[in-house]
């Protein structure tokens, strides 16, 4: 199966893991998220101890909106919510 050419590439950095002091790896990608437009998603992670730090940064701004989540069943509690 061929690799996805649009998949983000991981890069080893000189930044040390705050837990085990190994070098962290970095991945970033730009994507579109519903109601948010274009965002930059970037992650630092450690392959040694599995430490992970993720951030989502808006690349465009718009008018503020309010979203409401209705919990109808147990699986709805797994919904990921982030504030921008």
N, C-alpha and C. Protein backbone atom coordinates (compact mmCIF):
# COMPACT_ATOMS: atom_id res chain seq x y z
N UNK A 1 0.85 -1.17 0.00
CA UNK A 1 0.00 0.00 0.00
C UNK A 1 0.90 1.24 0.00
N UNK A 2 0.71 2.17 -0.95
CA UNK A 2 1.58 3.36 -1.01
C UNK A 2 1.31 4.30 0.15
N UNK A 3 2.36 5.00 0.54
CA UNK A 3 2.21 5.98 1.62
C UNK A 3 1.43 7.18 1.12
N UNK A 4 0.71 7.83 2.03
CA UNK A 4 -0.06 9.03 1.71
C UNK A 4 0.89 10.21 1.57
N UNK A 5 0.98 10.85 0.38
CA UNK A 5 1.90 11.97 0.23
C UNK A 5 1.50 13.20 1.04
N UNK A 6 0.24 13.28 1.47
CA UNK A 6 -0.23 14.41 2.27
C UNK A 6 -0.08 14.17 3.77
N UNK A 7 0.37 12.98 4.15
CA UNK A 7 0.52 12.67 5.58
C UNK A 7 1.64 13.52 6.17
N UNK A 8 1.47 13.97 7.41
CA UNK A 8 2.53 14.77 8.04
C UNK A 8 3.79 13.94 8.26
N UNK A 9 4.92 14.61 8.21
CA UNK A 9 6.22 13.96 8.38
C UNK A 9 6.73 14.27 9.78
N UNK A 10 7.20 13.25 10.48
CA UNK A 10 7.77 13.50 11.81
C UNK A 10 9.23 13.88 11.68
N UNK A 11 9.64 14.83 12.52
CA UNK A 11 11.02 15.30 12.52
C UNK A 11 11.56 15.20 13.93
N UNK A 12 12.77 14.67 14.06
CA UNK A 12 13.41 14.65 15.38
C UNK A 12 13.94 16.05 15.68
N UNK A 13 13.75 16.51 16.91
CA UNK A 13 14.20 17.84 17.31
C UNK A 13 15.33 17.73 18.34
N UNK A 14 15.90 18.87 18.69
CA UNK A 14 16.89 18.93 19.77
C UNK A 14 16.23 19.27 21.11
N UNK A 15 14.90 19.37 21.10
CA UNK A 15 14.15 19.67 22.32
C UNK A 15 14.08 18.41 23.16
N UNK A 16 14.40 18.54 24.43
CA UNK A 16 14.43 17.38 25.33
C UNK A 16 13.07 17.13 25.96
N UNK A 17 12.72 15.88 26.10
CA UNK A 17 11.49 15.47 26.75
C UNK A 17 11.55 15.90 28.22
N UNK A 18 10.48 16.52 28.74
CA UNK A 18 10.50 16.94 30.14
C UNK A 18 10.45 15.76 31.12
N UNK A 19 10.11 14.57 30.63
CA UNK A 19 10.01 13.40 31.50
C UNK A 19 11.30 12.59 31.51
N UNK A 20 11.79 12.22 30.32
CA UNK A 20 12.94 11.30 30.27
C UNK A 20 14.20 11.89 29.63
N UNK A 21 14.11 13.11 29.13
CA UNK A 21 15.25 13.84 28.53
C UNK A 21 15.70 13.30 27.17
N UNK A 22 14.94 12.43 26.54
CA UNK A 22 15.23 12.01 25.16
C UNK A 22 14.81 13.13 24.21
N UNK A 23 15.28 13.08 22.97
CA UNK A 23 14.86 14.08 21.99
C UNK A 23 13.39 13.87 21.64
N UNK A 24 12.65 14.99 21.53
CA UNK A 24 11.26 14.92 21.12
C UNK A 24 11.17 14.90 19.60
N UNK A 25 10.09 14.33 19.10
CA UNK A 25 9.77 14.35 17.68
C UNK A 25 8.63 15.34 17.48
N UNK A 26 8.53 15.92 16.27
CA UNK A 26 7.56 16.97 15.98
C UNK A 26 6.81 16.62 14.71
N UNK A 27 5.49 16.82 14.74
CA UNK A 27 4.64 16.65 13.56
C UNK A 27 3.73 17.87 13.50
N UNK A 28 3.51 18.39 12.28
CA UNK A 28 2.53 19.46 12.11
C UNK A 28 1.76 19.24 10.83
N UNK A 29 0.52 19.72 10.81
CA UNK A 29 -0.29 19.67 9.60
C UNK A 29 -1.34 20.76 9.65
N UNK A 30 -1.74 21.22 8.49
CA UNK A 30 -2.82 22.20 8.37
C UNK A 30 -4.03 21.45 7.87
N UNK A 31 -5.18 21.70 8.50
CA UNK A 31 -6.40 21.01 8.12
C UNK A 31 -7.60 21.93 8.34
N UNK A 32 -8.74 21.52 7.85
CA UNK A 32 -9.99 22.25 8.06
C UNK A 32 -10.82 21.50 9.10
N UNK A 33 -11.34 22.24 10.07
CA UNK A 33 -12.18 21.67 11.11
C UNK A 33 -13.55 22.35 11.03
N UNK A 34 -14.60 21.57 11.16
CA UNK A 34 -15.96 22.12 11.10
C UNK A 34 -16.11 23.27 12.08
N UNK A 35 -16.70 24.34 11.64
CA UNK A 35 -16.99 25.54 12.43
C UNK A 35 -15.74 26.35 12.77
N UNK A 36 -14.55 25.90 12.40
CA UNK A 36 -13.33 26.59 12.82
C UNK A 36 -12.50 27.07 11.64
N UNK A 37 -12.74 26.56 10.47
CA UNK A 37 -11.95 26.87 9.28
C UNK A 37 -10.59 26.19 9.35
N UNK A 38 -9.58 26.86 8.84
CA UNK A 38 -8.24 26.25 8.77
C UNK A 38 -7.51 26.38 10.10
N UNK A 39 -6.89 25.28 10.51
CA UNK A 39 -6.13 25.26 11.77
C UNK A 39 -4.79 24.56 11.53
N UNK A 40 -3.85 24.89 12.39
CA UNK A 40 -2.56 24.21 12.43
C UNK A 40 -2.59 23.28 13.63
N UNK A 41 -2.40 22.00 13.38
CA UNK A 41 -2.32 21.01 14.45
C UNK A 41 -0.86 20.60 14.55
N UNK A 42 -0.28 20.75 15.74
CA UNK A 42 1.11 20.30 15.88
C UNK A 42 1.30 19.56 17.19
N UNK A 43 2.20 18.58 17.14
CA UNK A 43 2.42 17.68 18.27
C UNK A 43 3.91 17.47 18.49
N UNK A 44 4.28 17.44 19.75
CA UNK A 44 5.60 16.98 20.17
C UNK A 44 5.37 15.66 20.89
N UNK A 45 6.20 14.67 20.61
CA UNK A 45 6.03 13.39 21.30
C UNK A 45 7.38 12.71 21.49
N UNK A 46 7.42 11.87 22.50
CA UNK A 46 8.64 11.14 22.85
C UNK A 46 8.43 9.66 22.56
N UNK A 47 9.32 9.09 21.79
CA UNK A 47 9.23 7.66 21.46
C UNK A 47 9.73 6.78 22.59
N UNK A 48 10.41 7.36 23.56
CA UNK A 48 10.95 6.59 24.67
C UNK A 48 9.92 6.38 25.77
N UNK A 49 9.33 7.47 26.26
CA UNK A 49 8.39 7.36 27.40
C UNK A 49 6.94 7.64 27.00
N UNK A 50 6.70 7.98 25.73
CA UNK A 50 5.36 8.24 25.18
C UNK A 50 4.73 9.55 25.65
N UNK A 51 5.54 10.46 26.18
CA UNK A 51 5.05 11.81 26.50
C UNK A 51 4.52 12.43 25.21
N UNK A 52 3.44 13.25 25.33
CA UNK A 52 2.85 13.87 24.15
C UNK A 52 2.28 15.23 24.51
N UNK A 53 2.48 16.22 23.66
CA UNK A 53 1.93 17.57 23.83
C UNK A 53 1.36 18.00 22.49
N UNK A 54 0.05 18.28 22.44
CA UNK A 54 -0.64 18.68 21.21
C UNK A 54 -1.18 20.09 21.34
N UNK A 55 -1.19 20.82 20.23
CA UNK A 55 -1.81 22.14 20.19
C UNK A 55 -2.56 22.29 18.88
N UNK A 56 -3.67 23.04 18.94
CA UNK A 56 -4.44 23.39 17.75
C UNK A 56 -4.51 24.90 17.71
N UNK A 57 -4.01 25.49 16.63
CA UNK A 57 -3.95 26.94 16.51
C UNK A 57 -4.77 27.38 15.30
N UNK A 58 -5.70 28.33 15.47
CA UNK A 58 -6.48 28.81 14.33
C UNK A 58 -5.60 29.62 13.38
N UNK A 59 -5.79 29.42 12.08
CA UNK A 59 -5.08 30.19 11.07
C UNK A 59 -5.96 31.30 10.51
N UNK A 60 -7.25 31.20 10.75
CA UNK A 60 -8.21 32.22 10.32
C UNK A 60 -9.13 32.51 11.49
N UNK A 61 -9.67 33.71 11.52
CA UNK A 61 -10.61 34.03 12.60
C UNK A 61 -11.96 34.41 12.00
N UNK A 62 -12.97 34.25 12.79
CA UNK A 62 -14.32 34.58 12.36
C UNK A 62 -15.13 35.06 13.55
N UNK A 63 -16.43 35.18 13.35
CA UNK A 63 -17.30 35.61 14.44
C UNK A 63 -17.40 34.49 15.47
N UNK A 64 -17.48 34.85 16.75
CA UNK A 64 -17.65 33.82 17.79
C UNK A 64 -18.97 33.08 17.61
N UNK A 65 -18.95 31.80 17.89
CA UNK A 65 -20.17 31.00 17.84
C UNK A 65 -20.27 30.16 19.11
N UNK A 66 -21.47 29.69 19.40
CA UNK A 66 -21.70 28.81 20.55
C UNK A 66 -22.14 27.45 20.03
N UNK A 67 -21.47 26.42 20.51
CA UNK A 67 -21.84 25.05 20.17
C UNK A 67 -22.35 24.37 21.42
N UNK A 68 -23.39 23.56 21.27
CA UNK A 68 -23.98 22.83 22.38
C UNK A 68 -23.91 21.34 22.07
N UNK A 69 -23.48 20.57 23.05
CA UNK A 69 -23.42 19.12 22.89
C UNK A 69 -24.48 18.51 23.80
N UNK A 70 -25.33 17.71 23.21
CA UNK A 70 -26.34 17.00 23.98
C UNK A 70 -25.87 15.57 24.21
N UNK A 71 -25.76 15.19 25.46
CA UNK A 71 -25.30 13.84 25.81
C UNK A 71 -26.53 12.95 25.89
N UNK A 72 -26.61 11.99 24.96
CA UNK A 72 -27.76 11.08 24.92
C UNK A 72 -27.39 9.66 25.35
N UNK A 73 -26.10 9.35 25.25
CA UNK A 73 -25.66 8.01 25.64
C UNK A 73 -24.22 8.07 26.12
N UNK A 74 -23.74 6.94 26.60
CA UNK A 74 -22.40 6.86 27.19
C UNK A 74 -21.30 7.25 26.20
N UNK A 75 -21.46 6.88 24.92
CA UNK A 75 -20.45 7.20 23.92
C UNK A 75 -20.34 8.70 23.67
N UNK A 76 -21.41 9.46 23.90
CA UNK A 76 -21.36 10.91 23.72
C UNK A 76 -20.37 11.56 24.68
N UNK A 77 -20.08 10.91 25.79
CA UNK A 77 -19.14 11.45 26.76
C UNK A 77 -17.70 11.40 26.24
N UNK A 78 -17.47 10.71 25.14
CA UNK A 78 -16.13 10.63 24.54
C UNK A 78 -15.88 11.75 23.53
N UNK A 79 -16.82 12.65 23.36
CA UNK A 79 -16.67 13.76 22.42
C UNK A 79 -15.52 14.65 22.85
N UNK A 80 -14.66 14.98 21.91
CA UNK A 80 -13.53 15.87 22.18
C UNK A 80 -13.96 17.30 21.92
N UNK A 81 -13.73 18.16 22.89
CA UNK A 81 -14.10 19.57 22.77
C UNK A 81 -12.84 20.40 22.98
N UNK A 82 -12.61 21.36 22.12
CA UNK A 82 -11.50 22.29 22.35
C UNK A 82 -12.01 23.71 22.17
N UNK A 83 -11.39 24.60 22.88
CA UNK A 83 -11.75 26.01 22.79
C UNK A 83 -10.72 26.70 21.92
N UNK A 84 -11.20 27.61 21.11
CA UNK A 84 -10.26 28.35 20.26
C UNK A 84 -10.22 29.81 20.66
